[in-house]
Protein backbone atom coordinates (compact mmCIF):
# COMPACT_ATOMS: atom_id res chain seq x y z
CA UNK A 1 154.77 -61.03 121.75
CA UNK A 2 155.55 -64.75 121.37
CA UNK A 3 158.49 -66.14 123.37
CA UNK A 4 159.83 -62.70 124.04
CA UNK A 5 162.11 -61.08 126.60
CA UNK A 6 161.72 -58.09 128.92
CA UNK A 7 164.90 -56.64 130.41
CA UNK A 8 164.35 -54.25 133.31
CA UNK A 9 167.15 -51.74 133.89
CA UNK A 10 166.97 -49.76 137.16
CA UNK A 11 168.89 -46.50 136.73
CA UNK A 12 170.02 -44.09 139.45
CA UNK A 13 172.51 -41.36 138.50
CA UNK A 14 173.79 -43.31 135.50
CA UNK A 15 174.22 -40.48 132.99
CA UNK A 16 177.73 -41.64 132.05
CA UNK A 17 176.84 -45.25 131.22
CA UNK A 18 173.12 -45.46 130.45
CA UNK A 19 173.15 -44.73 126.73
CA UNK A 20 176.10 -47.03 125.97
CA UNK A 21 174.70 -49.87 128.10
CA UNK A 22 171.23 -49.71 126.56
CA UNK A 23 172.78 -49.84 123.10
CA UNK A 24 174.81 -52.92 124.07
CA UNK A 25 171.75 -54.69 125.51
CA UNK A 26 169.67 -53.68 122.48
CA UNK A 27 172.15 -55.16 120.01
CA UNK A 28 172.45 -58.37 122.03
CA UNK A 29 168.69 -58.88 122.20
CA UNK A 30 168.23 -58.12 118.51
CA UNK A 31 170.65 -60.92 117.64
CA UNK A 32 169.02 -63.25 120.15
CA UNK A 33 165.29 -62.80 119.45
CA UNK A 34 165.07 -60.35 116.55
CA UNK A 35 162.38 -57.81 117.49
CA UNK A 36 160.71 -59.86 120.22
CA UNK A 37 161.99 -57.93 123.23
CA UNK A 38 161.65 -54.78 125.26
CA UNK A 39 164.04 -52.85 127.48
CA UNK A 40 162.36 -51.08 130.39
CA UNK A 41 164.41 -48.31 132.03
CA UNK A 42 163.26 -47.42 135.53
CA UNK A 43 164.96 -44.17 136.48
CA UNK A 44 164.54 -43.57 140.19
CA UNK A 45 165.39 -40.40 142.05
CA UNK A 46 168.38 -39.38 139.92
CA UNK A 47 169.91 -35.95 140.48
CA UNK A 48 171.85 -35.89 137.20
CA UNK A 49 170.59 -36.17 133.60
CA UNK A 50 169.71 -39.87 133.75
CA UNK A 51 165.97 -39.20 133.38
CA UNK A 52 166.50 -37.06 130.30
CA UNK A 53 168.76 -39.65 128.67
CA UNK A 54 166.24 -42.41 129.43
CA UNK A 55 163.48 -40.35 127.83
CA UNK A 56 165.65 -39.78 124.73
CA UNK A 57 166.30 -43.53 124.43
CA UNK A 58 162.56 -44.17 124.75
CA UNK A 59 161.93 -41.89 121.79
CA UNK A 60 164.86 -43.23 119.78
CA UNK A 61 164.14 -46.97 120.04
CA UNK A 62 160.78 -48.64 119.50
CA UNK A 63 161.65 -51.43 121.92
CA UNK A 64 162.77 -49.15 124.76
CA UNK A 65 160.40 -47.74 127.36
CA UNK A 66 161.35 -45.46 130.23
CA UNK A 67 159.65 -44.56 133.48
CA UNK A 68 160.70 -42.28 136.33
CA UNK A 69 160.10 -42.75 140.05
CA UNK A 70 160.42 -39.80 142.39
CA UNK A 71 162.54 -41.52 145.03
CA UNK A 72 165.78 -43.46 144.70
CA UNK A 73 164.79 -47.07 145.38
CA UNK A 74 166.25 -50.17 143.76
CA UNK A 75 163.47 -52.29 145.21
CA UNK A 76 160.68 -50.08 143.90
CA UNK A 77 162.39 -49.84 140.51
CA UNK A 78 162.64 -53.64 140.36
CA UNK A 79 158.97 -54.12 141.28
CA UNK A 80 157.71 -51.38 138.99
CA UNK A 81 159.73 -52.66 136.03
CA UNK A 82 158.48 -56.23 136.40
CA UNK A 83 154.93 -54.94 136.78
CA UNK A 84 155.27 -53.03 133.50
CA UNK A 85 156.91 -55.90 131.59
CA UNK A 86 154.82 -57.44 128.80
CA UNK A 87 157.02 -60.27 127.51
CA UNK A 88 157.22 -63.98 128.32
CA UNK A 89 160.51 -63.92 130.22
CA UNK A 90 161.61 -61.13 132.55
CA UNK A 91 165.04 -60.36 133.93
CA UNK A 92 166.70 -57.29 135.45
CA UNK A 93 170.19 -56.00 134.68
CA UNK A 94 172.39 -53.35 136.30
CA UNK A 95 173.48 -50.46 134.09
CA UNK A 96 177.17 -51.22 134.56
CA UNK A 97 176.75 -54.59 132.76
CA UNK A 98 179.22 -56.21 135.14
CA UNK A 99 177.27 -59.44 134.63
CA UNK A 100 177.73 -61.15 131.27
CA UNK A 101 174.80 -60.72 128.90
CA UNK A 102 174.87 -64.36 127.82
CA UNK A 103 172.88 -65.12 130.97
CA UNK A 104 169.83 -63.86 129.06
CA UNK A 105 170.35 -66.31 126.20
CA UNK A 106 171.05 -69.24 128.51
CA UNK A 107 168.03 -68.45 130.67
CA UNK A 108 165.80 -68.04 127.61
CA UNK A 109 166.61 -71.57 126.47
CA UNK A 110 165.84 -73.05 129.89
CA UNK A 111 162.92 -70.92 131.09
CA UNK A 112 160.33 -73.14 129.38
CA UNK A 113 161.46 -76.10 131.47
CA UNK A 114 162.42 -74.27 134.66
CA UNK A 115 160.18 -71.28 135.49
CA UNK A 116 162.98 -69.45 137.33
CA UNK A 117 166.66 -69.29 136.41
CA UNK A 118 169.23 -68.08 138.94
CA UNK A 119 172.74 -66.95 138.07
CA UNK A 120 175.66 -68.35 140.09
CA UNK A 121 179.03 -66.61 140.13
CA UNK A 122 180.73 -69.31 142.19
CA UNK A 123 180.32 -72.12 139.70
CA UNK A 124 183.34 -73.92 138.21
CA UNK A 125 182.32 -72.60 134.78
CA UNK A 126 181.94 -69.00 135.94
CA UNK A 127 184.46 -66.19 135.59
CA UNK A 128 184.39 -64.07 138.72
CA UNK A 129 186.86 -61.18 138.65
CA UNK A 130 185.97 -59.11 141.69
CA UNK A 131 187.83 -57.68 144.69
CA UNK A 132 188.35 -60.36 147.33
CA UNK A 133 186.35 -58.44 149.94
CA UNK A 134 183.28 -58.35 147.67
CA UNK A 135 183.48 -62.08 146.99
CA UNK A 136 183.88 -62.82 150.69
CA UNK A 137 180.93 -60.65 151.69
CA UNK A 138 178.72 -62.22 149.05
CA UNK A 139 179.60 -65.77 150.07
CA UNK A 140 179.08 -65.03 153.77
CA UNK A 141 175.74 -63.41 152.99
CA UNK A 142 174.58 -66.43 150.98
CA UNK A 143 175.69 -68.82 153.71
CA UNK A 144 173.87 -66.81 156.38
CA UNK A 145 170.64 -66.71 154.39
CA UNK A 146 170.81 -70.47 153.82
CA UNK A 147 171.45 -71.04 157.52
CA UNK A 148 168.58 -68.86 158.69
CA UNK A 149 165.99 -70.08 156.21
CA UNK A 150 167.18 -73.67 155.67
CA UNK A 151 167.68 -73.08 151.95
CA UNK A 152 170.39 -74.35 149.62
CA UNK A 153 171.11 -71.49 147.22
CA UNK A 154 174.61 -71.02 145.81
CA UNK A 155 174.39 -67.27 145.13
CA UNK A 156 171.75 -65.01 146.67
CA UNK A 157 172.70 -61.65 145.16
CA UNK A 158 172.89 -62.54 141.49
CA UNK A 159 170.77 -62.24 138.35
CA UNK A 160 167.38 -63.89 138.13
CA UNK A 161 165.09 -64.64 135.19
CA UNK A 162 161.40 -65.49 135.49
CA UNK A 163 158.49 -66.64 133.44
CA UNK A 164 156.43 -63.49 133.41
CA UNK A 165 153.47 -64.74 135.42
CA UNK A 166 155.68 -66.01 138.24
CA UNK A 167 157.94 -62.95 138.30
CA UNK A 168 154.93 -60.68 138.67
CA UNK A 169 153.50 -62.92 141.40
CA UNK A 170 156.67 -63.13 143.47
CA UNK A 171 157.54 -59.42 143.50
CA UNK A 172 154.10 -58.62 144.93
CA UNK A 173 155.24 -60.27 148.16
CA UNK A 174 158.36 -58.07 148.44
CA UNK A 175 158.59 -54.73 150.20
CA UNK A 176 162.31 -53.87 150.41
CA UNK A 177 163.37 -50.54 148.97
CA UNK A 178 167.02 -51.50 148.53
CA UNK A 179 169.16 -54.52 147.59
CA UNK A 180 167.51 -56.58 150.33
CA UNK A 181 164.83 -57.35 147.75
CA UNK A 182 167.19 -60.10 146.55
CA UNK A 183 166.73 -61.94 149.87
CA UNK A 184 162.97 -61.50 149.73
CA UNK A 185 162.84 -62.90 146.22
CA UNK A 186 164.74 -66.09 146.96
CA UNK A 187 162.80 -66.56 150.21
CA UNK A 188 159.47 -66.49 148.42
CA UNK A 189 160.76 -68.69 145.58
CA UNK A 190 161.51 -71.29 148.26
CA UNK A 191 158.33 -70.72 150.24
CA UNK A 192 156.11 -71.04 147.17
CA UNK A 193 157.92 -74.21 146.13
CA UNK A 194 158.74 -72.97 142.64
CA UNK A 195 161.13 -75.08 140.60
CA UNK A 196 164.32 -73.25 139.62
CA UNK A 197 167.69 -73.94 138.05
CA UNK A 198 171.03 -72.32 138.84
CA UNK A 199 173.42 -71.63 135.97
CA UNK A 200 176.95 -70.16 135.81
CA UNK A 201 177.37 -66.48 135.09
CA UNK A 202 180.43 -64.26 134.68
CA UNK A 203 180.83 -61.19 136.88
CA UNK A 204 183.63 -58.75 136.13
CA UNK A 205 184.10 -56.01 138.73
CA UNK A 206 187.81 -55.31 138.99
CA UNK A 207 187.54 -52.26 141.25
CA UNK A 208 185.33 -51.49 144.22
CA UNK A 209 182.70 -49.09 142.94
CA UNK A 210 181.80 -47.83 146.42
CA UNK A 211 183.84 -46.35 149.24
CA UNK A 212 184.82 -49.01 151.84
CA UNK A 213 182.88 -47.17 154.58
CA UNK A 214 179.76 -47.24 152.44
CA UNK A 215 180.17 -50.98 151.92
CA UNK A 216 180.64 -51.61 155.65
CA UNK A 217 177.53 -49.58 156.53
CA UNK A 218 175.55 -51.43 153.89
CA UNK A 219 176.70 -54.80 155.23
CA UNK A 220 175.65 -53.95 158.78
CA UNK A 221 172.27 -52.63 157.64
CA UNK A 222 171.59 -55.66 155.46
CA UNK A 223 172.52 -58.12 158.21
CA UNK A 224 170.18 -56.32 160.62
CA UNK A 225 167.42 -56.46 158.00
CA UNK A 226 168.09 -60.14 157.49
CA UNK A 227 167.58 -60.98 161.17
CA UNK A 228 164.50 -58.72 161.40
CA UNK A 229 163.08 -60.43 158.33
CA UNK A 230 163.70 -63.82 159.94
CA UNK A 231 161.96 -62.78 163.16
CA UNK A 232 158.93 -61.53 161.24
CA UNK A 233 158.65 -64.81 159.39
CA UNK A 234 158.73 -66.69 162.71
CA UNK A 235 155.88 -64.56 164.06
CA UNK A 236 153.63 -65.15 161.06
C-alpha cells in the first residue's frame, strides 16, 4: 500500500459498540484515503460475543482483519496490532470513539514531516468534555511523568500516530499489559530522540464509564508502576 493507514482497535467485551464503531471508522477512512487502509481488531480475553462479531466484520469487509488473544491485555493488544499492521502510518483507537476521528486525517498530513504525532486534549483548539475528576487525574499524571523523566509532554494518555517503522520499533521496548503502556511509549520516544509534534484533539466523555472505586484503584496502581518504572530506569 502507498501512503496508507492502519488503525488498530483493541476490543475487550465490546459487543454493544464494536460493529457500529468499525463501520464509522471504515466510512471515515474510505473518504480519507479511498481503499488504502486497514482496520485491525485485536479482541483480547472477552467473555461476551466480541470475538464472534470481530470475526464477522473480518469476513464482511476486505479492509478489516481480526485477531484474538487469550488474555485481556490492552498492552498486548496494542503491541500485537502494531506488529500486524502493514500500512505506512499506524494509530490505535478505542472502540468507544470518544476521541474525534479527525485526528487520523490531521496526523496523516503531518506524519511525513514528523514521524510521530501526539494528540493533546488540553490545547486551546481542543474540545474536552469529560468529568472534572478525569481531567484532573490526567493532568496530574502528565505532570508527574514530566517531573520524573524531565520531559515536556502536554498529554501523556492520548492518541498517538506513528510512521510504521518507528511504531514497530518503539513498541518492542514496551512490556506493560495495561494502560501503563502509554507511559512506556512516550518515555522511549524521548529516550530515542525521535522528533514528534503535538496536535489538538477532541475528547468527549460526558459520563464516567467506570465505577469510582475502580478508577481510584487504577490510579494507585499506575502511580506505583510509574515510580517502579523510574527506579528501574535509574538502575540501568
